[in-house]
Protein backbone atom coordinates (compact mmCIF):
# COMPACT_ATOMS: atom_id res chain seq x y z
CA MET A 1 -2.96 -7.33 11.29
CA MET A 2 -4.22 -4.84 8.73
CA GLN A 3 -4.70 -2.00 11.21
CA THR A 4 -1.22 -2.47 12.68
CA VAL A 5 0.53 -2.65 9.32
CA LEU A 6 -1.43 0.17 7.74
CA ALA A 7 -0.63 2.45 10.67
CA ARG A 8 3.08 2.00 9.90
CA LEU A 9 2.51 2.48 6.17
CA ASN A 10 0.62 5.69 6.96
CA ALA A 11 3.55 6.89 9.06
CA ASN A 12 6.11 6.09 6.35
CA LEU A 13 4.08 7.74 3.58
CA GLY A 14 2.74 10.61 5.68
CA ARG A 15 3.93 14.16 6.20
CA GLU A 16 6.76 13.40 8.65
CA HIS A 17 8.60 10.67 6.74
CA ILE A 18 7.52 10.59 3.09
CA ARG A 19 10.51 12.51 1.70
CA GLU A 20 12.98 10.17 3.39
CA PHE A 21 10.92 7.12 2.44
CA ALA A 22 10.69 8.23 -1.21
CA ARG A 23 14.45 8.85 -1.32
CA ASN A 24 15.38 5.52 0.28
CA ASP A 25 12.62 3.17 -0.87
CA GLY A 26 10.82 4.75 -3.83
CA GLY A 27 12.63 2.59 -6.37
CA LYS A 28 11.17 -0.55 -4.79
CA PHE A 29 7.81 0.46 -6.32
CA ALA A 30 9.09 0.79 -9.91
CA TYR A 31 7.58 -1.27 -12.73
CA GLY A 32 8.65 -4.89 -12.48
CA GLU A 33 9.46 -4.77 -8.78
CA PRO A 34 7.46 -7.15 -6.56
CA LEU A 35 4.91 -5.04 -4.70
CA HIS A 36 4.37 -7.57 -1.93
CA ASN A 37 8.02 -7.22 -0.88
CA ALA A 38 8.07 -3.41 -1.01
CA LEU A 39 4.84 -2.95 0.92
CA ALA A 40 5.70 -5.64 3.47
CA ASP A 41 9.07 -3.96 4.09
CA ALA A 42 7.34 -0.59 4.52
CA GLY A 43 4.58 -1.96 6.73
CA ALA A 44 6.32 -4.14 9.29
CA GLU A 45 9.65 -5.01 10.84
CA PRO A 46 11.08 -8.42 9.89
CA GLY A 47 9.17 -11.15 11.71
CA PRO A 48 5.81 -12.94 11.75
CA LEU A 49 3.70 -9.81 11.11
CA ARG A 50 5.76 -8.87 8.07
CA GLU A 51 5.54 -12.40 6.68
CA ALA A 52 1.77 -12.55 7.23
CA PHE A 53 1.30 -9.20 5.45
CA LYS A 54 3.59 -10.25 2.60
CA ASN A 55 1.61 -13.48 2.20
CA TYR A 56 -1.67 -11.52 2.19
CA LEU A 57 -0.34 -9.13 -0.47
CA GLY A 58 0.83 -12.05 -2.59
CA LYS A 59 -2.79 -13.24 -2.89
CA ILE A 60 -4.12 -9.98 -4.33
CA PRO A 61 -4.90 -10.35 -8.06
CA GLY A 62 -2.32 -8.94 -10.47
CA GLY A 63 -4.45 -6.18 -11.97
CA ILE A 64 -5.14 -4.73 -8.53
CA THR A 65 -1.52 -5.14 -7.49
CA GLU A 66 -0.27 -3.34 -10.58
CA ALA A 67 -2.72 -0.45 -10.16
CA LEU A 68 -1.55 -0.04 -6.58
CA ARG A 69 2.15 -0.31 -7.48
CA ALA A 70 1.80 2.33 -10.20
CA THR A 71 -0.09 4.66 -7.86
CA LEU A 72 2.55 4.36 -5.15
CA TYR A 73 5.42 4.81 -7.60
CA HIS A 74 3.74 7.94 -8.95
CA ALA A 75 3.25 9.31 -5.43
CA LEU A 76 6.86 8.65 -4.45
CA THR A 77 8.34 10.19 -7.60
CA THR A 78 6.44 13.49 -7.63
CA THR A 79 8.29 16.59 -6.43
CA PRO A 80 7.70 16.81 -3.55
CA PRO A 81 6.40 13.29 -2.95
CA THR A 82 2.63 12.97 -2.62
CA MET A 83 1.40 11.72 0.75
CA VAL A 84 -0.54 8.44 0.77
CA THR A 85 -3.08 7.34 3.37
CA PHE A 86 -4.06 3.68 3.67
CA ALA A 87 -7.21 2.13 5.15
CA TRP A 88 -8.79 -1.33 5.13
CA ALA A 89 -12.35 -2.62 5.26
CA PRO A 90 -13.69 -6.16 5.24
CA ALA A 91 -15.32 -7.34 1.99
CA TYR A 92 -16.21 -10.48 0.12
CA ASP A 93 -13.43 -10.26 -2.47
CA TYR A 94 -10.26 -8.28 -3.21
CA GLU A 95 -10.65 -4.68 -4.31
CA ILE A 96 -9.06 -1.28 -3.83
CA ASP A 97 -10.48 2.20 -4.07
CA ILE A 98 -8.00 4.93 -4.91
CA TRP A 99 -8.72 8.63 -4.92
CA GLN A 100 -6.55 11.69 -5.10
CA ALA A 101 -7.09 15.17 -3.78
CA PRO A 102 -5.26 17.45 -6.22
CA ASP A 103 -2.66 20.00 -5.22
CA THR A 104 -3.85 23.54 -4.66
CA LYS A 105 -1.97 26.83 -4.53
CA GLU A 106 -1.79 26.51 -0.76
CA THR A 107 -1.24 22.80 -0.13
CA LYS A 108 0.03 19.56 -1.61
CA GLY A 109 -2.74 17.07 -2.28
CA GLY A 110 -2.76 13.45 -1.27
CA ILE A 111 -3.78 9.96 -2.32
CA THR A 112 -5.97 7.61 -0.32
CA VAL A 113 -5.94 3.84 -0.83
CA LEU A 114 -8.75 1.76 0.66
CA PHE A 115 -8.00 -1.97 0.66
CA LYS A 116 -11.04 -4.24 0.78
CA SER A 117 -10.78 -7.98 1.28
CA ARG A 118 -11.75 -10.87 3.44
CA TYR A 119 -10.05 -10.98 6.79
CA PRO A 120 -6.45 -12.02 6.04
CA ASP A 121 -6.83 -15.42 7.75
CA ASP A 122 -10.27 -16.09 6.22
CA PRO A 123 -9.75 -18.43 3.23
CA HIS A 124 -11.23 -17.29 -0.06
CA PRO A 125 -13.92 -19.71 -1.35
CA LEU A 126 -11.98 -20.26 -4.60
CA SER A 127 -8.89 -21.38 -2.68
CA LYS A 128 -10.75 -24.64 -2.01
CA ALA A 129 -11.41 -25.26 -5.71
């Protein structure tokens, strides 16, 4: 699931489509907007995959979610928008790594977001508590 969804997110927030995406969907990442809806919409067409991704995102702790939402909102509101690349790796718990290559005289920089978590269908040990 993660590879399929992140490929679409990378397309939407990559060089070819980011300006259009920022114009049409950037506001969905503003403070107070539910990140799980915005990212699920950007990552998958309506259907089972979108719902599974939305459910996965809804389980990510709030501090991580808010850091990611703020990063994406920043990227989509810069002029021109800053490209974002997503990746995922399996891990014990939820975490994200975010780094940004700054703009140079010659090129616009970019942001990379590495999601780390259990496999989406692998229950977290605390969910049984």
